[in-house]
């Protein structure tokens, strides 16, 4: 089935484990706020549904998607979160700005994973238009915020499976 006809947030594979013992950071871009607020709500709802206490969810805002990297680093260093979920939305425009931002953010988040040896989850929508973003932030294709929260939980469970 093509992704055009599928809820992309349907979790495949092993079930999500109880996450009550973990502390999560969420850093969310204010740019494209209609979309990013929905992503953030999806992530928080999923964490709460999987046993995370509200006081163990640290939510911080940054101006734009590019700033997610440093915001996530601040959460790792100051709040001592077990995993950090990075949520943003970049909609392609008429210039190359889209390409530069998307590549920089992806590389920055990769580097944070390696530097801190903990999950920094890429929950950034990179869409061609506003409608695609709406469809992936609670619309017919699910909510990427939900997916990012599930990924964060599963990565912590994976880490712990090695005797952390």
C-alpha atoms as a PDB file:
ATOM      1  CA  UNK A   1       0.000   0.000   0.000  1.00  0.00           C
ATOM      2  CA  UNK A   2       1.405   3.397  -0.909  1.00  0.00           C
ATOM      3  CA  UNK A   3       1.937   5.971   1.804  1.00  0.00           C
ATOM      4  CA  UNK A   4      -0.676   8.152   0.099  1.00  0.00           C
ATOM      5  CA  UNK A   5      -3.338   5.754   1.400  1.00  0.00           C
ATOM      6  CA  UNK A   6      -1.905   4.763   4.751  1.00  0.00           C
ATOM      7  CA  UNK A   7      -1.779   6.131   8.282  1.00  0.00           C
ATOM      8  CA  UNK A   8       1.979   6.460   8.611  1.00  0.00           C
ATOM      9  CA  UNK A   9       1.824   6.520  12.419  1.00  0.00           C
ATOM     10  CA  UNK A  10       0.631   2.924  12.744  1.00  0.00           C
ATOM     11  CA  UNK A  11       3.393   1.384  14.841  1.00  0.00           C
ATOM     12  CA  UNK A  12       4.852  -1.775  13.394  1.00  0.00           C
ATOM     13  CA  UNK A  13       6.989  -4.350  15.121  1.00  0.00           C
ATOM     14  CA  UNK A  14       7.178  -4.950  18.832  1.00  0.00           C
ATOM     15  CA  UNK A  15       4.728  -3.234  21.125  1.00  0.00           C
ATOM     16  CA  UNK A  16       5.695  -0.073  22.978  1.00  0.00           C
ATOM     17  CA  UNK A  17       6.878  -0.753  26.505  1.00  0.00           C
ATOM     18  CA  UNK A  18       5.932   1.110  29.670  1.00  0.00           C
ATOM     19  CA  UNK A  19       8.080   4.232  29.814  1.00  0.00           C
ATOM     20  CA  UNK A  20       7.320   5.417  33.348  1.00  0.00           C
ATOM     21  CA  UNK A  21      10.955   5.251  34.484  1.00  0.00           C
ATOM     22  CA  UNK A  22      12.244   7.618  31.808  1.00  0.00           C
ATOM     23  CA  UNK A  23      12.556  11.388  31.498  1.00  0.00           C
ATOM     24  CA  UNK A  24      11.914  12.919  28.074  1.00  0.00           C
ATOM     25  CA  UNK A  25      12.765  16.254  26.560  1.00  0.00           C
ATOM     26  CA  UNK A  26      10.747  17.710  23.726  1.00  0.00           C
ATOM     27  CA  UNK A  27      12.116  20.637  21.772  1.00  0.00           C
ATOM     28  CA  UNK A  28       9.612  22.131  19.379  1.00  0.00           C
ATOM     29  CA  UNK A  29      10.008  24.772  16.694  1.00  0.00           C
ATOM     30  CA  UNK A  30       7.657  27.757  16.800  1.00  0.00           C
ATOM     31  CA  UNK A  31       7.931  28.201  13.019  1.00  0.00           C
ATOM     32  CA  UNK A  32       4.888  26.691  11.257  1.00  0.00           C
ATOM     33  CA  UNK A  33       3.266  26.648  14.687  1.00  0.00           C
ATOM     34  CA  UNK A  34      -0.077  25.217  13.537  1.00  0.00           C
ATOM     35  CA  UNK A  35       1.824  22.096  12.531  1.00  0.00           C
ATOM     36  CA  UNK A  36       4.416  21.956  15.306  1.00  0.00           C
ATOM     37  CA  UNK A  37       1.853  22.415  18.089  1.00  0.00           C
ATOM     38  CA  UNK A  38       0.007  19.373  16.737  1.00  0.00           C
ATOM     39  CA  UNK A  39       3.261  17.389  16.570  1.00  0.00           C
ATOM     40  CA  UNK A  40       4.080  18.333  20.151  1.00  0.00           C
ATOM     41  CA  UNK A  41       0.612  17.393  21.381  1.00  0.00           C
ATOM     42  CA  UNK A  42       0.917  14.034  19.619  1.00  0.00           C
ATOM     43  CA  UNK A  43       4.280  13.336  21.253  1.00  0.00           C
ATOM     44  CA  UNK A  44       3.099  14.332  24.730  1.00  0.00           C
ATOM     45  CA  UNK A  45      -0.131  12.330  24.438  1.00  0.00           C
ATOM     46  CA  UNK A  46       1.824   9.253  23.336  1.00  0.00           C
ATOM     47  CA  UNK A  47       4.323   9.569  26.188  1.00  0.00           C
ATOM     48  CA  UNK A  48       1.531   9.964  28.764  1.00  0.00           C
ATOM     49  CA  UNK A  49      -0.368   7.028  27.253  1.00  0.00           C
ATOM     50  CA  UNK A  50       2.755   4.895  27.723  1.00  0.00           C
ATOM     51  CA  UNK A  51       3.199   5.653  31.411  1.00  0.00           C
ATOM     52  CA  UNK A  52       5.423   8.726  31.439  1.00  0.00           C
ATOM     53  CA  UNK A  53       4.575  11.097  34.285  1.00  0.00           C
ATOM     54  CA  UNK A  54       3.820  14.673  33.199  1.00  0.00           C
ATOM     55  CA  UNK A  55       6.626  15.967  35.417  1.00  0.00           C
ATOM     56  CA  UNK A  56       9.073  13.783  33.456  1.00  0.00           C
ATOM     57  CA  UNK A  57       8.324  15.576  30.191  1.00  0.00           C
ATOM     58  CA  UNK A  58      10.331  18.749  29.668  1.00  0.00           C
ATOM     59  CA  UNK A  59       8.953  20.802  26.785  1.00  0.00           C
ATOM     60  CA  UNK A  60      10.921  23.726  25.364  1.00  0.00           C
ATOM     61  CA  UNK A  61      10.303  25.965  22.358  1.00  0.00           C
ATOM     62  CA  UNK A  62      12.841  27.307  19.875  1.00  0.00           C
ATOM     63  CA  UNK A  63      12.236  29.915  17.153  1.00  0.00           C
ATOM     64  CA  UNK A  64      12.779  27.676  14.121  1.00  0.00           C
ATOM     65  CA  UNK A  65      13.736  24.203  13.005  1.00  0.00           C
ATOM     66  CA  UNK A  66      17.410  25.115  12.686  1.00  0.00           C
ATOM     67  CA  UNK A  67      17.476  25.956  16.400  1.00  0.00           C
ATOM     68  CA  UNK A  68      16.262  22.478  17.377  1.00  0.00           C
ATOM     69  CA  UNK A  69      19.863  21.284  17.532  1.00  0.00           C
ATOM     70  CA  UNK A  70      21.057  23.684  20.217  1.00  0.00           C
ATOM     71  CA  UNK A  71      17.732  23.496  22.060  1.00  0.00           C
ATOM     72  CA  UNK A  72      18.058  19.716  22.196  1.00  0.00           C
ATOM     73  CA  UNK A  73      21.631  20.015  23.449  1.00  0.00           C
ATOM     74  CA  UNK A  74      20.480  22.357  26.236  1.00  0.00           C
ATOM     75  CA  UNK A  75      17.862  19.804  27.309  1.00  0.00           C
ATOM     76  CA  UNK A  76      20.471  17.027  27.312  1.00  0.00           C
ATOM     77  CA  UNK A  77      22.874  19.070  29.402  1.00  0.00           C
ATOM     78  CA  UNK A  78      20.563  20.992  31.735  1.00  0.00           C
ATOM     79  CA  UNK A  79      17.528  18.720  32.184  1.00  0.00           C
ATOM     80  CA  UNK A  80      19.310  15.356  32.018  1.00  0.00           C
ATOM     81  CA  UNK A  81      16.588  13.797  29.855  1.00  0.00           C
ATOM     82  CA  UNK A  82      16.989  10.156  28.832  1.00  0.00           C
ATOM     83  CA  UNK A  83      15.805  10.951  25.297  1.00  0.00           C
ATOM     84  CA  UNK A  84      15.100  14.153  23.420  1.00  0.00           C
ATOM     85  CA  UNK A  85      12.416  14.475  20.748  1.00  0.00           C
ATOM     86  CA  UNK A  86      13.050  17.183  18.147  1.00  0.00           C
ATOM     87  CA  UNK A  87       9.908  18.453  16.409  1.00  0.00           C
ATOM     88  CA  UNK A  88       9.750  20.892  13.536  1.00  0.00           C
ATOM     89  CA  UNK A  89       8.333  21.530  10.104  1.00  0.00           C
ATOM     90  CA  UNK A  90      10.112  22.804   7.010  1.00  0.00           C
ATOM     91  CA  UNK A  91       7.931  23.389   3.963  1.00  0.00           C
ATOM     92  CA  UNK A  92       9.695  23.608   0.620  1.00  0.00           C
ATOM     93  CA  UNK A  93       9.667  27.018  -0.977  1.00  0.00           C
ATOM     94  CA  UNK A  94      11.127  28.573  -4.094  1.00  0.00           C
ATOM     95  CA  UNK A  95      14.734  28.812  -2.845  1.00  0.00           C
ATOM     96  CA  UNK A  96      17.391  26.366  -1.682  1.00  0.00           C
ATOM     97  CA  UNK A  97      16.808  27.422   1.945  1.00  0.00           C
ATOM     98  CA  UNK A  98      14.718  24.245   2.438  1.00  0.00           C
ATOM     99  CA  UNK A  99      17.640  21.995   1.421  1.00  0.00           C
ATOM    100  CA  UNK A 100      20.161  23.763   3.640  1.00  0.00           C
ATOM    101  CA  UNK A 101      17.922  23.747   6.714  1.00  0.00           C
ATOM    102  CA  UNK A 102      16.849  20.110   6.316  1.00  0.00           C
ATOM    103  CA  UNK A 103      20.388  18.848   5.804  1.00  0.00           C
ATOM    104  CA  UNK A 104      21.823  20.934   8.645  1.00  0.00           C
ATOM    105  CA  UNK A 105      19.160  19.794  11.116  1.00  0.00           C
ATOM    106  CA  UNK A 106      19.445  16.129  10.136  1.00  0.00           C
ATOM    107  CA  UNK A 107      23.237  16.231  10.514  1.00  0.00           C
ATOM    108  CA  UNK A 108      23.030  18.168  13.765  1.00  0.00           C
ATOM    109  CA  UNK A 109      20.659  15.640  15.309  1.00  0.00           C
ATOM    110  CA  UNK A 110      22.847  12.761  14.120  1.00  0.00           C
ATOM    111  CA  UNK A 111      25.821  14.404  15.826  1.00  0.00           C
ATOM    112  CA  UNK A 112      23.907  14.855  19.087  1.00  0.00           C
ATOM    113  CA  UNK A 113      23.060  11.136  19.161  1.00  0.00           C
ATOM    114  CA  UNK A 114      26.738  10.301  18.848  1.00  0.00           C
ATOM    115  CA  UNK A 115      28.050  13.011  21.206  1.00  0.00           C
ATOM    116  CA  UNK A 116      25.680  12.187  24.070  1.00  0.00           C
ATOM    117  CA  UNK A 117      25.102   8.468  23.383  1.00  0.00           C
ATOM    118  CA  UNK A 118      21.372   8.887  23.875  1.00  0.00           C
ATOM    119  CA  UNK A 119      18.369   9.106  21.578  1.00  0.00           C
ATOM    120  CA  UNK A 120      17.759  12.438  19.883  1.00  0.00           C
ATOM    121  CA  UNK A 121      14.765  11.681  17.682  1.00  0.00           C
ATOM    122  CA  UNK A 122      14.270  13.415  14.324  1.00  0.00           C
ATOM    123  CA  UNK A 123      10.606  14.389  14.275  1.00  0.00           C
ATOM    124  CA  UNK A 124      10.886  17.036  11.594  1.00  0.00           C
ATOM    125  CA  UNK A 125       8.422  17.176   8.749  1.00  0.00           C
ATOM    126  CA  UNK A 126      10.068  18.060   5.436  1.00  0.00           C
ATOM    127  CA  UNK A 127       7.138  18.517   3.102  1.00  0.00           C
ATOM    128  CA  UNK A 128       6.489  19.991  -0.304  1.00  0.00           C
ATOM    129  CA  UNK A 129       3.467  21.976   0.849  1.00  0.00           C
ATOM    130  CA  UNK A 130       1.249  22.928   3.794  1.00  0.00           C
ATOM    131  CA  UNK A 131      -1.336  20.229   3.036  1.00  0.00           C
ATOM    132  CA  UNK A 132       1.255  17.448   3.318  1.00  0.00           C
ATOM    133  CA  UNK A 133       2.328  18.873   6.682  1.00  0.00           C
ATOM    134  CA  UNK A 134      -1.281  18.941   7.919  1.00  0.00           C
ATOM    135  CA  UNK A 135      -1.779  15.335   6.820  1.00  0.00           C
ATOM    136  CA  UNK A 136       1.291  14.255   8.845  1.00  0.00           C
ATOM    137  CA  UNK A 137       0.548  16.249  12.000  1.00  0.00           C
ATOM    138  CA  UNK A 138      -2.716  14.608  12.969  1.00  0.00           C
ATOM    139  CA  UNK A 139      -4.371  14.251   9.559  1.00  0.00           C
ATOM    140  CA  UNK A 140      -4.967  11.236   7.379  1.00  0.00           C
ATOM    141  CA  UNK A 141      -1.322  10.134   7.531  1.00  0.00           C
ATOM    142  CA  UNK A 142      -1.157  10.151  11.334  1.00  0.00           C
ATOM    143  CA  UNK A 143       1.058  12.295  13.524  1.00  0.00           C
ATOM    144  CA  UNK A 144       4.847  12.330  13.265  1.00  0.00           C
ATOM    145  CA  UNK A 145       4.922  13.505  16.900  1.00  0.00           C
ATOM    146  CA  UNK A 146       3.339  10.178  17.936  1.00  0.00           C
ATOM    147  CA  UNK A 147       5.943   8.317  15.905  1.00  0.00           C
ATOM    148  CA  UNK A 148       8.816  10.304  17.397  1.00  0.00           C
ATOM    149  CA  UNK A 149       7.645   9.538  20.947  1.00  0.00           C
ATOM    150  CA  UNK A 150       7.327   5.822  20.171  1.00  0.00           C
ATOM    151  CA  UNK A 151      10.807   5.865  18.642  1.00  0.00           C
ATOM    152  CA  UNK A 152      12.259   7.533  21.745  1.00  0.00           C
ATOM    153  CA  UNK A 153      10.687   4.918  24.022  1.00  0.00           C
ATOM    154  CA  UNK A 154      11.811   2.012  21.855  1.00  0.00           C
ATOM    155  CA  UNK A 155      15.378   3.321  21.685  1.00  0.00           C
ATOM    156  CA  UNK A 156      15.563   3.553  25.477  1.00  0.00           C
ATOM    157  CA  UNK A 157      14.205   0.027  25.799  1.00  0.00           C
ATOM    158  CA  UNK A 158      16.840  -1.111  23.281  1.00  0.00           C
ATOM    159  CA  UNK A 159      19.575   0.628  25.283  1.00  0.00           C
ATOM    160  CA  UNK A 160      18.380  -0.990  28.502  1.00  0.00           C
ATOM    161  CA  UNK A 161      18.319  -4.425  26.851  1.00  0.00           C
ATOM    162  CA  UNK A 162      22.128  -4.268  26.912  1.00  0.00           C
ATOM    163  CA  UNK A 163      22.152  -3.886  30.703  1.00  0.00           C
ATOM    164  CA  UNK A 164      22.244  -0.091  31.039  1.00  0.00           C
END
